[in-house]
Amino acid sequence: MTSDEELLTAWRAGDRAAGDSLLARHFDAVCRFFYYKVGEEAAADLIQQTFLAMCEGKERFRGESAFRTYVLGTARLVLLAHLRRKRRDADHLDPIEHSLAGFGPSPTSALAHRREEAILLQALRELPIDLQIAFELYHLEGATAGELARMYGLSEPGMYGRLRKARLLVVAACERLAETPALRASTVDRLDDWVRELSARGLPRGTGA
């Protein structure tokens, strides 16, 4: 299979079909990124904004991370801009302090096939936005700590510290949100299983259209 780097090189040289193939390869990940955070209706416009930004900025990628991580880093910037537009005090949106829970109820319950998954999705929503994104890109999308460190402008040990903090907060939120001891145990003890389920989950038909 042609690599991302080969497709990008061809795209930069004027091969539009290569660009279409490259962006299509990462379409599901971008859909998942937004759908888990803002729901299907709002996601469609943000997905389009992300891929427009990728088309306009394809020369800026320097190969310091996987292209997939670069795409999702662009999606992060689009999301933060969207959230700032929704706040009256936009200048005070701090993604390491504020969570998506402050923007209303979760729109993602339709994605959960089991109660444990619904709990995990709600727990993620209660994390500070940048911790939620880091957790999801690391565990759901396969970004490395080094790639995330460059995205956030941190050292790699500092990024590992954030990832540990994110996981501790997710576990604590899952324990609080579970209604019974049995559900608490099945959610926390199998947390990695539920994360893998969400990572592999196809989105509802029409998402991002």
N, C-alpha and C. Protein backbone atom coordinates (compact mmCIF):
# COMPACT_ATOMS: atom_id res chain seq x y z
N MET A 1 0.84 -1.19 0.00
CA MET A 1 0.00 0.00 0.00
C MET A 1 0.89 1.25 0.00
N THR A 2 0.50 2.23 -0.78
CA THR A 2 1.24 3.49 -0.84
C THR A 2 1.21 4.17 0.52
N SER A 3 2.35 4.64 0.98
CA SER A 3 2.44 5.27 2.30
C SER A 3 1.84 6.67 2.28
N ASP A 4 1.54 7.19 3.48
CA ASP A 4 1.06 8.56 3.60
C ASP A 4 2.06 9.54 3.01
N GLU A 5 3.35 9.30 3.29
CA GLU A 5 4.39 10.21 2.82
C GLU A 5 4.45 10.24 1.29
N GLU A 6 4.30 9.08 0.67
CA GLU A 6 4.32 9.01 -0.79
C GLU A 6 3.12 9.73 -1.39
N LEU A 7 1.95 9.53 -0.78
CA LEU A 7 0.75 10.22 -1.26
C LEU A 7 0.89 11.73 -1.09
N LEU A 8 1.46 12.16 0.04
CA LEU A 8 1.63 13.59 0.29
C LEU A 8 2.59 14.19 -0.72
N THR A 9 3.68 13.50 -1.01
CA THR A 9 4.64 14.00 -1.99
C THR A 9 3.97 14.17 -3.36
N ALA A 10 3.19 13.18 -3.75
CA ALA A 10 2.49 13.26 -5.04
C ALA A 10 1.46 14.38 -5.03
N TRP A 11 0.77 14.55 -3.92
CA TRP A 11 -0.22 15.63 -3.80
C TRP A 11 0.44 16.99 -3.94
N ARG A 12 1.55 17.16 -3.24
CA ARG A 12 2.27 18.43 -3.32
C ARG A 12 2.76 18.71 -4.75
N ALA A 13 3.01 17.65 -5.51
CA ALA A 13 3.47 17.79 -6.89
C ALA A 13 2.32 18.02 -7.86
N GLY A 14 1.10 18.08 -7.34
CA GLY A 14 -0.04 18.39 -8.19
C GLY A 14 -0.98 17.25 -8.46
N ASP A 15 -0.75 16.08 -7.85
CA ASP A 15 -1.62 14.91 -8.07
C ASP A 15 -2.80 15.01 -7.12
N ARG A 16 -3.90 15.52 -7.61
CA ARG A 16 -5.08 15.73 -6.77
C ARG A 16 -5.66 14.40 -6.29
N ALA A 17 -5.60 13.39 -7.13
CA ALA A 17 -6.14 12.08 -6.73
C ALA A 17 -5.37 11.53 -5.53
N ALA A 18 -4.06 11.76 -5.50
CA ALA A 18 -3.26 11.31 -4.35
C ALA A 18 -3.71 12.03 -3.09
N GLY A 19 -4.00 13.33 -3.20
CA GLY A 19 -4.49 14.08 -2.05
C GLY A 19 -5.83 13.56 -1.57
N ASP A 20 -6.72 13.26 -2.51
CA ASP A 20 -8.02 12.71 -2.14
C ASP A 20 -7.86 11.37 -1.41
N SER A 21 -6.96 10.54 -1.90
CA SER A 21 -6.72 9.23 -1.28
C SER A 21 -6.15 9.40 0.12
N LEU A 22 -5.23 10.34 0.27
CA LEU A 22 -4.60 10.57 1.57
C LEU A 22 -5.61 11.04 2.59
N LEU A 23 -6.45 12.00 2.24
CA LEU A 23 -7.43 12.52 3.19
C LEU A 23 -8.51 11.48 3.48
N ALA A 24 -8.90 10.71 2.46
CA ALA A 24 -9.90 9.67 2.67
C ALA A 24 -9.41 8.63 3.66
N ARG A 25 -8.11 8.36 3.65
CA ARG A 25 -7.53 7.37 4.55
C ARG A 25 -7.74 7.75 6.01
N HIS A 26 -7.82 9.05 6.30
CA HIS A 26 -7.92 9.52 7.69
C HIS A 26 -9.30 10.10 8.00
N PHE A 27 -10.23 9.91 7.09
CA PHE A 27 -11.56 10.50 7.26
C PHE A 27 -12.27 9.94 8.49
N ASP A 28 -12.24 8.63 8.68
CA ASP A 28 -12.96 8.03 9.80
C ASP A 28 -12.41 8.52 11.14
N ALA A 29 -11.09 8.66 11.24
CA ALA A 29 -10.50 9.13 12.50
C ALA A 29 -10.94 10.55 12.82
N VAL A 30 -11.01 11.41 11.80
CA VAL A 30 -11.46 12.79 12.03
C VAL A 30 -12.94 12.81 12.40
N CYS A 31 -13.74 12.00 11.72
CA CYS A 31 -15.16 11.89 12.08
C CYS A 31 -15.32 11.47 13.53
N ARG A 32 -14.58 10.44 13.93
CA ARG A 32 -14.66 9.93 15.30
C ARG A 32 -14.23 11.02 16.30
N PHE A 33 -13.17 11.74 15.96
CA PHE A 33 -12.66 12.79 16.83
C PHE A 33 -13.77 13.79 17.16
N PHE A 34 -14.47 14.28 16.15
CA PHE A 34 -15.49 15.30 16.38
C PHE A 34 -16.80 14.71 16.90
N TYR A 35 -17.17 13.54 16.38
CA TYR A 35 -18.46 12.98 16.79
C TYR A 35 -18.47 12.69 18.28
N TYR A 36 -17.37 12.20 18.82
CA TYR A 36 -17.31 11.91 20.25
C TYR A 36 -17.38 13.17 21.10
N LYS A 37 -17.13 14.32 20.51
CA LYS A 37 -17.04 15.55 21.30
C LYS A 37 -18.22 16.50 21.10
N VAL A 38 -18.72 16.61 19.86
CA VAL A 38 -19.78 17.59 19.61
C VAL A 38 -21.04 16.98 19.00
N GLY A 39 -21.00 15.69 18.68
CA GLY A 39 -22.18 15.06 18.09
C GLY A 39 -22.20 15.19 16.57
N GLU A 40 -23.08 14.44 15.97
CA GLU A 40 -23.09 14.32 14.50
C GLU A 40 -23.43 15.63 13.81
N GLU A 41 -24.41 16.36 14.31
CA GLU A 41 -24.86 17.57 13.61
C GLU A 41 -23.76 18.61 13.52
N ALA A 42 -23.12 18.90 14.65
CA ALA A 42 -22.05 19.90 14.65
C ALA A 42 -20.78 19.37 14.00
N ALA A 43 -20.60 18.05 14.04
CA ALA A 43 -19.36 17.47 13.52
C ALA A 43 -19.18 17.71 12.03
N ALA A 44 -20.26 17.69 11.25
CA ALA A 44 -20.15 17.76 9.80
C ALA A 44 -19.38 18.99 9.37
N ASP A 45 -19.71 20.16 9.92
CA ASP A 45 -19.05 21.39 9.53
C ASP A 45 -17.59 21.40 9.98
N LEU A 46 -17.31 20.88 11.18
CA LEU A 46 -15.95 20.88 11.70
C LEU A 46 -15.05 19.93 10.92
N ILE A 47 -15.62 18.83 10.47
CA ILE A 47 -14.87 17.89 9.61
C ILE A 47 -14.47 18.59 8.32
N GLN A 48 -15.42 19.30 7.71
CA GLN A 48 -15.12 20.03 6.48
C GLN A 48 -14.05 21.09 6.71
N GLN A 49 -14.15 21.81 7.84
CA GLN A 49 -13.14 22.83 8.15
C GLN A 49 -11.74 22.20 8.29
N THR A 50 -11.71 21.04 8.92
CA THR A 50 -10.41 20.37 9.13
C THR A 50 -9.77 19.99 7.81
N PHE A 51 -10.54 19.39 6.92
CA PHE A 51 -9.96 18.95 5.65
C PHE A 51 -9.67 20.14 4.74
N LEU A 52 -10.43 21.21 4.85
CA LEU A 52 -10.08 22.42 4.10
C LEU A 52 -8.75 22.96 4.60
N ALA A 53 -8.56 22.98 5.93
CA ALA A 53 -7.28 23.44 6.48
C ALA A 53 -6.14 22.55 6.03
N MET A 54 -6.38 21.24 5.92
CA MET A 54 -5.34 20.33 5.44
C MET A 54 -4.99 20.63 3.99
N CYS A 55 -6.00 20.92 3.17
CA CYS A 55 -5.74 21.22 1.77
C CYS A 55 -4.94 22.52 1.64
N GLU A 56 -5.30 23.51 2.43
CA GLU A 56 -4.63 24.81 2.34
C GLU A 56 -3.23 24.78 2.95
N GLY A 57 -2.99 23.85 3.90
CA GLY A 57 -1.73 23.85 4.61
C GLY A 57 -0.88 22.62 4.39
N LYS A 58 -1.06 21.93 3.28
CA LYS A 58 -0.35 20.67 3.07
C LYS A 58 1.17 20.84 3.03
N GLU A 59 1.63 22.05 2.72
CA GLU A 59 3.08 22.27 2.68
C GLU A 59 3.68 22.41 4.07
N ARG A 60 2.86 22.60 5.10
CA ARG A 60 3.39 22.86 6.44
C ARG A 60 3.82 21.59 7.16
N PHE A 61 3.37 20.43 6.71
CA PHE A 61 3.74 19.19 7.39
C PHE A 61 5.21 18.89 7.15
N ARG A 62 5.96 18.69 8.25
CA ARG A 62 7.40 18.50 8.16
C ARG A 62 7.85 17.08 8.52
N GLY A 63 6.90 16.18 8.70
CA GLY A 63 7.27 14.79 8.95
C GLY A 63 7.76 14.51 10.35
N GLU A 64 7.47 15.39 11.31
CA GLU A 64 7.92 15.17 12.68
C GLU A 64 7.02 14.21 13.45
N SER A 65 5.91 13.85 12.86
CA SER A 65 5.00 12.87 13.44
C SER A 65 4.36 12.11 12.30
N ALA A 66 3.56 11.10 12.64
CA ALA A 66 2.78 10.44 11.60
C ALA A 66 1.79 11.45 11.01
N PHE A 67 1.50 11.31 9.73
CA PHE A 67 0.57 12.26 9.09
C PHE A 67 -0.78 12.21 9.78
N ARG A 68 -1.19 11.04 10.25
CA ARG A 68 -2.46 10.90 10.97
C ARG A 68 -2.48 11.80 12.21
N THR A 69 -1.36 11.85 12.92
CA THR A 69 -1.28 12.70 14.10
C THR A 69 -1.36 14.17 13.71
N TYR A 70 -0.73 14.53 12.59
CA TYR A 70 -0.80 15.90 12.10
C TYR A 70 -2.24 16.28 11.75
N VAL A 71 -2.96 15.37 11.10
CA VAL A 71 -4.36 15.63 10.76
C VAL A 71 -5.18 15.85 12.03
N LEU A 72 -4.98 14.99 13.02
CA LEU A 72 -5.76 15.10 14.25
C LEU A 72 -5.33 16.30 15.09
N GLY A 73 -4.07 16.71 14.96
CA GLY A 73 -3.66 17.95 15.59
C GLY A 73 -4.37 19.14 14.98
N THR A 74 -4.56 19.11 13.67
CA THR A 74 -5.34 20.15 13.00
C THR A 74 -6.78 20.13 13.48
N ALA A 75 -7.34 18.93 13.63
CA ALA A 75 -8.70 18.80 14.15
C ALA A 75 -8.83 19.41 15.55
N ARG A 76 -7.80 19.23 16.36
CA ARG A 76 -7.81 19.83 17.71
C ARG A 76 -7.92 21.35 17.62
N LEU A 77 -7.15 21.96 16.74
CA LEU A 77 -7.20 23.42 16.61
C LEU A 77 -8.57 23.89 16.11
N VAL A 78 -9.17 23.13 15.19
CA VAL A 78 -10.50 23.47 14.70
C VAL A 78 -11.52 23.35 15.83
N LEU A 79 -11.40 22.30 16.64
CA LEU A 79 -12.32 22.13 17.77
C LEU A 79 -12.20 23.28 18.76
N LEU A 80 -10.98 23.66 19.12
CA LEU A 80 -10.80 24.74 20.09
C LEU A 80 -11.36 26.05 19.56
N ALA A 81 -11.17 26.32 18.27
CA ALA A 81 -11.73 27.53 17.67
C ALA A 81 -13.26 27.50 17.74
N HIS A 82 -13.83 26.33 17.49
CA HIS A 82 -15.29 26.17 17.57
C HIS A 82 -15.79 26.43 18.99
N LEU A 83 -15.11 25.88 19.97
CA LEU A 83 -15.53 26.05 21.36
C LEU A 83 -15.39 27.51 21.80
N ARG A 84 -14.35 28.17 21.33
CA ARG A 84 -14.18 29.59 21.70
C ARG A 84 -15.30 30.44 21.10
N ARG A 85 -15.76 30.08 19.91
CA ARG A 85 -16.88 30.83 19.31
C ARG A 85 -18.16 30.66 20.11
N LYS A 86 -18.28 29.54 20.83
CA LYS A 86 -19.48 29.27 21.61
C LYS A 86 -19.47 29.94 22.97
N ARG A 87 -18.32 30.42 23.41
CA ARG A 87 -18.21 31.02 24.74
C ARG A 87 -18.21 32.55 24.61
N ARG A 88 -18.90 33.19 25.54
CA ARG A 88 -18.86 34.66 25.57
C ARG A 88 -17.48 35.14 25.99
N ASP A 89 -16.87 34.44 26.94
CA ASP A 89 -15.53 34.81 27.40
C ASP A 89 -14.51 33.93 26.69
N ALA A 90 -14.50 34.02 25.35
CA ALA A 90 -13.69 33.11 24.54
C ALA A 90 -12.22 33.14 24.93
N ASP A 91 -11.72 34.32 25.32
CA ASP A 91 -10.30 34.42 25.65
C ASP A 91 -9.93 33.62 26.89
N HIS A 92 -10.94 33.19 27.65
CA HIS A 92 -10.68 32.49 28.90
C HIS A 92 -10.89 30.99 28.78
N LEU A 93 -11.09 30.49 27.57
CA LEU A 93 -11.19 29.05 27.39
C LEU A 93 -9.80 28.45 27.54
N ASP A 94 -9.61 27.67 28.57
CA ASP A 94 -8.32 27.03 28.82
C ASP A 94 -8.50 25.54 28.64
N PRO A 95 -7.95 24.95 27.56
CA PRO A 95 -8.18 23.53 27.29
C PRO A 95 -7.54 22.59 28.29
N ILE A 96 -6.66 23.09 29.14
CA ILE A 96 -6.10 22.23 30.19
C ILE A 96 -6.88 22.39 31.48
N GLU A 97 -7.89 23.25 31.46
CA GLU A 97 -8.72 23.46 32.66
C GLU A 97 -10.19 23.15 32.40
N HIS A 98 -10.73 23.62 31.28
CA HIS A 98 -12.15 23.44 30.99
C HIS A 98 -12.41 22.11 30.28
N SER A 99 -13.59 21.55 30.54
CA SER A 99 -13.97 20.27 29.92
C SER A 99 -15.16 20.48 29.00
N LEU A 100 -15.43 19.49 28.15
CA LEU A 100 -16.59 19.55 27.28
C LEU A 100 -17.89 19.42 28.06
N ALA A 101 -17.81 18.91 29.28
CA ALA A 101 -19.03 18.82 30.11
C ALA A 101 -19.62 20.19 30.34
N GLY A 102 -18.79 21.22 30.29
CA GLY A 102 -19.28 22.58 30.49
C GLY A 102 -20.02 23.14 29.29
N PHE A 103 -20.05 22.39 28.19
CA PHE A 103 -20.72 22.85 26.98
C PHE A 103 -22.05 22.12 26.75
N GLY A 104 -22.55 21.46 27.78
CA GLY A 104 -23.83 20.79 27.66
C GLY A 104 -23.70 19.28 27.76
N PRO A 105 -24.84 18.58 27.70
CA PRO A 105 -24.83 17.12 27.85
C PRO A 105 -24.13 16.42 26.69
N SER A 106 -23.70 15.21 26.95
CA SER A 106 -22.98 14.44 25.94
C SER A 106 -23.89 14.10 24.76
N PRO A 107 -23.40 14.29 23.53
CA PRO A 107 -24.19 13.91 22.36
C PRO A 107 -23.86 12.51 21.87
N THR A 108 -23.11 11.73 22.63
CA THR A 108 -22.52 10.50 22.10
C THR A 108 -23.18 9.22 22.61
N SER A 109 -24.31 9.32 23.29
CA SER A 109 -24.88 8.10 23.87
C SER A 109 -25.24 7.06 22.80
N ALA A 110 -25.54 7.51 21.59
CA ALA A 110 -25.89 6.57 20.52
C ALA A 110 -24.73 5.68 20.13
N LEU A 111 -23.51 6.10 20.45
CA LEU A 111 -22.33 5.31 20.10
C LEU A 111 -22.09 4.16 21.05
N ALA A 112 -22.67 4.23 22.23
CA ALA A 112 -22.40 3.23 23.25
C ALA A 112 -23.29 2.01 23.05
N HIS A 113 -22.68 0.84 22.89
CA HIS A 113 -23.43 -0.40 22.75
C HIS A 113 -23.67 -1.06 24.10
N ARG A 114 -22.93 -0.64 25.11
CA ARG A 114 -23.08 -1.17 26.45
C ARG A 114 -22.99 -0.02 27.44
N ARG A 115 -23.52 -0.25 28.63
CA ARG A 115 -23.49 0.80 29.65
C ARG A 115 -22.05 1.18 30.00
N GLU A 116 -21.15 0.20 29.99
CA GLU A 116 -19.75 0.52 30.30
C GLU A 116 -19.16 1.52 29.31
N GLU A 117 -19.53 1.39 28.04
CA GLU A 117 -19.03 2.32 27.04
C GLU A 117 -19.62 3.71 27.24
N ALA A 118 -20.90 3.78 27.61
CA ALA A 118 -21.52 5.08 27.87
C ALA A 118 -20.84 5.77 29.05
N ILE A 119 -20.50 4.99 30.06
CA ILE A 119 -19.79 5.55 31.23
C ILE A 119 -18.43 6.08 30.81
N LEU A 120 -17.71 5.31 30.01
CA LEU A 120 -16.39 5.74 29.55
C LEU A 120 -16.49 7.03 28.74
N LEU A 121 -17.45 7.12 27.83
CA LEU A 121 -17.61 8.32 27.02
C LEU A 121 -17.92 9.53 27.89
N GLN A 122 -18.77 9.36 28.90
CA GLN A 122 -19.07 10.47 29.80
C GLN A 122 -17.85 10.84 30.63
N ALA A 123 -17.11 9.84 31.08
CA ALA A 123 -15.91 10.12 31.86
C ALA A 123 -14.90 10.92 31.04
N LEU A 124 -14.73 10.56 29.77
CA LEU A 124 -13.82 11.30 28.91
C LEU A 124 -14.27 12.74 28.75
N ARG A 125 -15.56 12.94 28.66
CA ARG A 125 -16.12 14.28 28.48
C ARG A 125 -15.87 15.17 29.70
N GLU A 126 -15.66 14.57 30.86
CA GLU A 126 -15.43 15.34 32.07
C GLU A 126 -13.96 15.72 32.25
N LEU A 127 -13.08 15.15 31.45
CA LEU A 127 -11.67 15.52 31.51
C LEU A 127 -11.47 16.93 30.95
N PRO A 128 -10.45 17.66 31.41
CA PRO A 128 -10.06 18.87 30.67
C PRO A 128 -9.86 18.53 29.20
N ILE A 129 -10.23 19.44 28.32
CA ILE A 129 -10.30 19.15 26.89
C ILE A 129 -8.99 18.58 26.36
N ASP A 130 -7.86 19.19 26.72
CA ASP A 130 -6.59 18.69 26.18
C ASP A 130 -6.20 17.34 26.75
N LEU A 131 -6.62 17.04 27.97
CA LEU A 131 -6.37 15.70 28.50
C LEU A 131 -7.25 14.67 27.80
N GLN A 132 -8.49 15.04 27.52
CA GLN A 132 -9.38 14.14 26.77
C GLN A 132 -8.79 13.84 25.40
N ILE A 133 -8.36 14.89 24.71
CA ILE A 133 -7.81 14.69 23.36
C ILE A 133 -6.56 13.82 23.42
N ALA A 134 -5.67 14.11 24.37
CA ALA A 134 -4.44 13.31 24.49
C ALA A 134 -4.76 11.85 24.76
N PHE A 135 -5.69 11.59 25.68
CA PHE A 135 -6.08 10.21 26.00
C PHE A 135 -6.62 9.52 24.75
N GLU A 136 -7.51 10.20 24.03
CA GLU A 136 -8.14 9.57 22.87
C GLU A 136 -7.14 9.35 21.74
N LEU A 137 -6.27 10.33 21.48
CA LEU A 137 -5.32 10.14 20.39
C LEU A 137 -4.32 9.03 20.72
N TYR A 138 -3.96 8.90 21.98
CA TYR A 138 -3.00 7.87 22.39
C TYR A 138 -3.65 6.49 22.39
N HIS A 139 -4.83 6.39 22.99
CA HIS A 139 -5.45 5.07 23.18
C HIS A 139 -6.35 4.66 22.02
N LEU A 140 -7.03 5.61 21.37
CA LEU A 140 -7.95 5.26 20.30
C LEU A 140 -7.32 5.35 18.92
N GLU A 141 -6.38 6.28 18.74
CA GLU A 141 -5.86 6.53 17.39
C GLU A 141 -4.41 6.13 17.21
N GLY A 142 -3.75 5.67 18.27
CA GLY A 142 -2.41 5.14 18.13
C GLY A 142 -1.29 6.15 18.04
N ALA A 143 -1.55 7.41 18.40
CA ALA A 143 -0.47 8.39 18.44
C ALA A 143 0.52 8.01 19.54
N THR A 144 1.80 8.29 19.33
CA THR A 144 2.80 8.01 20.35
C THR A 144 2.91 9.20 21.30
N ALA A 145 3.51 8.94 22.47
CA ALA A 145 3.73 10.02 23.42
C ALA A 145 4.65 11.09 22.83
N GLY A 146 5.63 10.67 22.04
CA GLY A 146 6.53 11.63 21.40
C GLY A 146 5.80 12.53 20.42
N GLU A 147 4.91 11.94 19.62
CA GLU A 147 4.13 12.74 18.67
C GLU A 147 3.23 13.72 19.39
N LEU A 148 2.59 13.25 20.45
CA LEU A 148 1.71 14.14 21.23
C LEU A 148 2.52 15.23 21.91
N ALA A 149 3.71 14.91 22.38
CA ALA A 149 4.56 15.92 23.01
C ALA A 149 4.86 17.05 22.04
N ARG A 150 5.16 16.70 20.79
CA ARG A 150 5.43 17.75 19.80
C ARG A 150 4.16 18.54 19.49
N MET A 151 3.02 17.88 19.46
CA MET A 151 1.76 18.57 19.20
C MET A 151 1.47 19.60 20.27
N TYR A 152 1.73 19.24 21.53
CA TYR A 152 1.39 20.10 22.65
C TYR A 152 2.55 21.00 23.08
N GLY A 153 3.71 20.83 22.48
CA GLY A 153 4.85 21.64 22.87
C GLY A 153 5.41 21.26 24.23
N LEU A 154 5.40 19.96 24.55
CA LEU A 154 5.88 19.46 25.83
C LEU A 154 7.07 18.54 25.61
N SER A 155 7.77 18.25 26.71
CA SER A 155 8.76 17.18 26.65
C SER A 155 8.03 15.84 26.64
N GLU A 156 8.72 14.79 26.18
CA GLU A 156 8.08 13.48 26.17
C GLU A 156 7.75 13.00 27.59
N PRO A 157 8.65 13.18 28.59
CA PRO A 157 8.25 12.83 29.97
C PRO A 157 7.04 13.63 30.44
N GLY A 158 6.99 14.90 30.05
CA GLY A 158 5.83 15.71 30.43
C GLY A 158 4.55 15.19 29.82
N MET A 159 4.64 14.68 28.57
CA MET A 159 3.46 14.12 27.92
C MET A 159 3.03 12.83 28.61
N TYR A 160 4.01 12.00 28.99
CA TYR A 160 3.66 10.79 29.73
C TYR A 160 2.95 11.14 31.04
N GLY A 161 3.40 12.23 31.67
CA GLY A 161 2.74 12.68 32.89
C GLY A 161 1.29 13.04 32.64
N ARG A 162 1.02 13.74 31.54
CA ARG A 162 -0.36 14.09 31.21
C ARG A 162 -1.20 12.85 30.93
N LEU A 163 -0.61 11.90 30.23
CA LEU A 163 -1.35 10.68 29.91
C LEU A 163 -1.69 9.89 31.18
N ARG A 164 -0.75 9.85 32.11
CA ARG A 164 -1.03 9.17 33.39
C ARG A 164 -2.14 9.89 34.14
N LYS A 165 -2.07 11.21 34.16
CA LYS A 165 -3.11 11.99 34.85
C LYS A 165 -4.47 11.77 34.19
N ALA A 166 -4.50 11.75 32.86
CA ALA A 166 -5.76 11.54 32.14
C ALA A 166 -6.36 10.19 32.50
N ARG A 167 -5.53 9.16 32.54
CA ARG A 167 -6.06 7.82 32.85
C ARG A 167 -6.59 7.77 34.28
N LEU A 168 -5.87 8.37 35.23
CA LEU A 168 -6.34 8.39 36.61
C LEU A 168 -7.68 9.10 36.72
N LEU A 169 -7.84 10.20 35.99
CA LEU A 169 -9.10 10.94 36.03
C LEU A 169 -10.22 10.15 35.38
N VAL A 170 -9.90 9.44 34.29
CA VAL A 170 -10.92 8.61 33.64
C VAL A 170 -11.39 7.51 34.59
N VAL A 171 -10.46 6.85 35.23
CA VAL A 171 -10.82 5.77 36.16
C VAL A 171 -11.67 6.33 37.31
N ALA A 172 -11.27 7.47 37.86
CA ALA A 172 -12.02 8.05 38.97
C ALA A 172 -13.43 8.43 38.54
N ALA A 173 -13.56 8.99 37.33
CA ALA A 173 -14.89 9.37 36.84
C ALA A 173 -15.74 8.14 36.57
N CYS A 174 -15.14 7.09 36.00
CA CYS A 174 -15.89 5.85 35.76
C CYS A 174 -16.39 5.25 37.07
N GLU A 175 -15.56 5.26 38.08
CA GLU A 175 -15.96 4.72 39.38
C GLU A 175 -17.12 5.53 39.96
N ARG A 176 -17.12 6.83 39.75
CA ARG A 176 -18.18 7.67 40.29
C ARG A 176 -19.48 7.53 39.49
N LEU A 177 -19.36 7.36 38.18
CA LEU A 177 -20.55 7.34 37.31
C LEU A 177 -21.26 5.99 37.31
N ALA A 178 -20.54 4.92 37.62
CA ALA A 178 -21.15 3.58 37.62
C ALA A 178 -22.16 3.46 38.75
N GLU A 179 -23.33 2.92 38.43
CA GLU A 179 -24.42 2.90 39.39
C GLU A 179 -24.33 1.78 40.42
N THR A 180 -23.60 0.72 40.11
CA THR A 180 -23.51 -0.43 41.01
C THR A 180 -22.05 -0.87 41.13
N PRO A 181 -21.72 -1.58 42.20
CA PRO A 181 -20.35 -2.09 42.33
C PRO A 181 -19.97 -3.01 41.17
N ALA A 182 -20.90 -3.85 40.71
CA ALA A 182 -20.59 -4.75 39.61
C ALA A 182 -20.29 -3.98 38.33
N LEU A 183 -21.07 -2.93 38.05
CA LEU A 183 -20.84 -2.12 36.86
C LEU A 183 -19.54 -1.34 37.00
N ARG A 184 -19.25 -0.88 38.20
CA ARG A 184 -17.99 -0.17 38.43
C ARG A 184 -16.80 -1.09 38.13
N ALA A 185 -16.88 -2.31 38.59
CA ALA A 185 -15.79 -3.26 38.37
C ALA A 185 -15.65 -3.60 36.89
N SER A 186 -16.76 -3.87 36.23
CA SER A 186 -16.68 -4.26 34.82
C SER A 186 -16.20 -3.11 33.95
N THR A 187 -16.50 -1.87 34.34
CA THR A 187 -16.04 -0.72 33.56
C THR A 187 -14.56 -0.49 33.76
N VAL A 188 -14.12 -0.45 35.01
CA VAL A 188 -12.73 -0.11 35.30
C VAL A 188 -11.79 -1.27 34.98
N ASP A 189 -12.17 -2.49 35.36
CA ASP A 189 -11.28 -3.63 35.14
C ASP A 189 -11.08 -3.92 33.65
N ARG A 190 -12.07 -3.58 32.85
CA ARG A 190 -11.97 -3.84 31.41
C ARG A 190 -11.87 -2.53 30.61
N LEU A 191 -11.32 -1.51 31.23
CA LEU A 191 -11.26 -0.20 30.60
C LEU A 191 -10.59 -0.25 29.22
N ASP A 192 -9.48 -0.97 29.14
CA ASP A 192 -8.77 -1.03 27.85
C ASP A 192 -9.61 -1.74 26.79
N ASP A 193 -10.42 -2.71 27.20
CA ASP A 193 -11.30 -3.38 26.24
C ASP A 193 -12.33 -2.41 25.68
N TRP A 194 -12.92 -1.59 26.54
CA TRP A 194 -13.95 -0.64 26.07
C TRP A 194 -13.31 0.42 25.17
N VAL A 195 -12.08 0.82 25.50
CA VAL A 195 -11.37 1.77 24.64
C VAL A 195 -11.16 1.17 23.26
N ARG A 196 -10.73 -0.10 23.21
CA ARG A 196 -10.53 -0.76 21.91
C ARG A 196 -11.84 -0.88 21.14
N GLU A 197 -12.92 -1.15 21.85
CA GLU A 197 -14.22 -1.25 21.19
C GLU A 197 -14.57 0.08 20.52
N LEU A 198 -14.37 1.19 21.23
CA LEU A 198 -14.70 2.50 20.67
C LEU A 198 -13.78 2.84 19.51
N SER A 199 -12.52 2.44 19.61
CA SER A 199 -11.57 2.72 18.54
C SER A 199 -11.96 2.00 17.25
N ALA A 200 -12.49 0.79 17.39
CA ALA A 200 -12.86 0.00 16.22
C ALA A 200 -14.27 0.26 15.73
N ARG A 201 -15.03 1.02 16.51
CA ARG A 201 -16.45 1.21 16.22
C ARG A 201 -16.68 2.03 14.97
N GLY A 202 -17.49 1.53 14.07
CA GLY A 202 -17.91 2.34 12.95
C GLY A 202 -18.91 3.38 13.41
N LEU A 203 -18.88 4.55 12.81
CA LEU A 203 -19.80 5.62 13.19
C LEU A 203 -21.13 5.45 12.48
N PRO A 204 -22.17 6.06 13.03
CA PRO A 204 -23.47 5.97 12.37
C PRO A 204 -23.41 6.46 10.93
N ARG A 205 -24.14 5.80 10.05
CA ARG A 205 -24.13 6.15 8.63
C ARG A 205 -24.57 7.61 8.46
N GLY A 206 -23.82 8.31 7.64
CA GLY A 206 -24.14 9.72 7.39
C GLY A 206 -23.27 10.66 8.17
N THR A 207 -22.52 10.18 9.14
CA THR A 207 -21.65 11.05 9.92
C THR A 207 -20.64 11.73 9.00
N GLY A 208 -20.56 13.03 9.16
CA GLY A 208 -19.59 13.79 8.40
C GLY A 208 -20.01 14.09 6.97
N ALA A 209 -21.19 13.66 6.60
CA ALA A 209 -21.62 13.91 5.21
C ALA A 209 -21.98 15.35 5.01
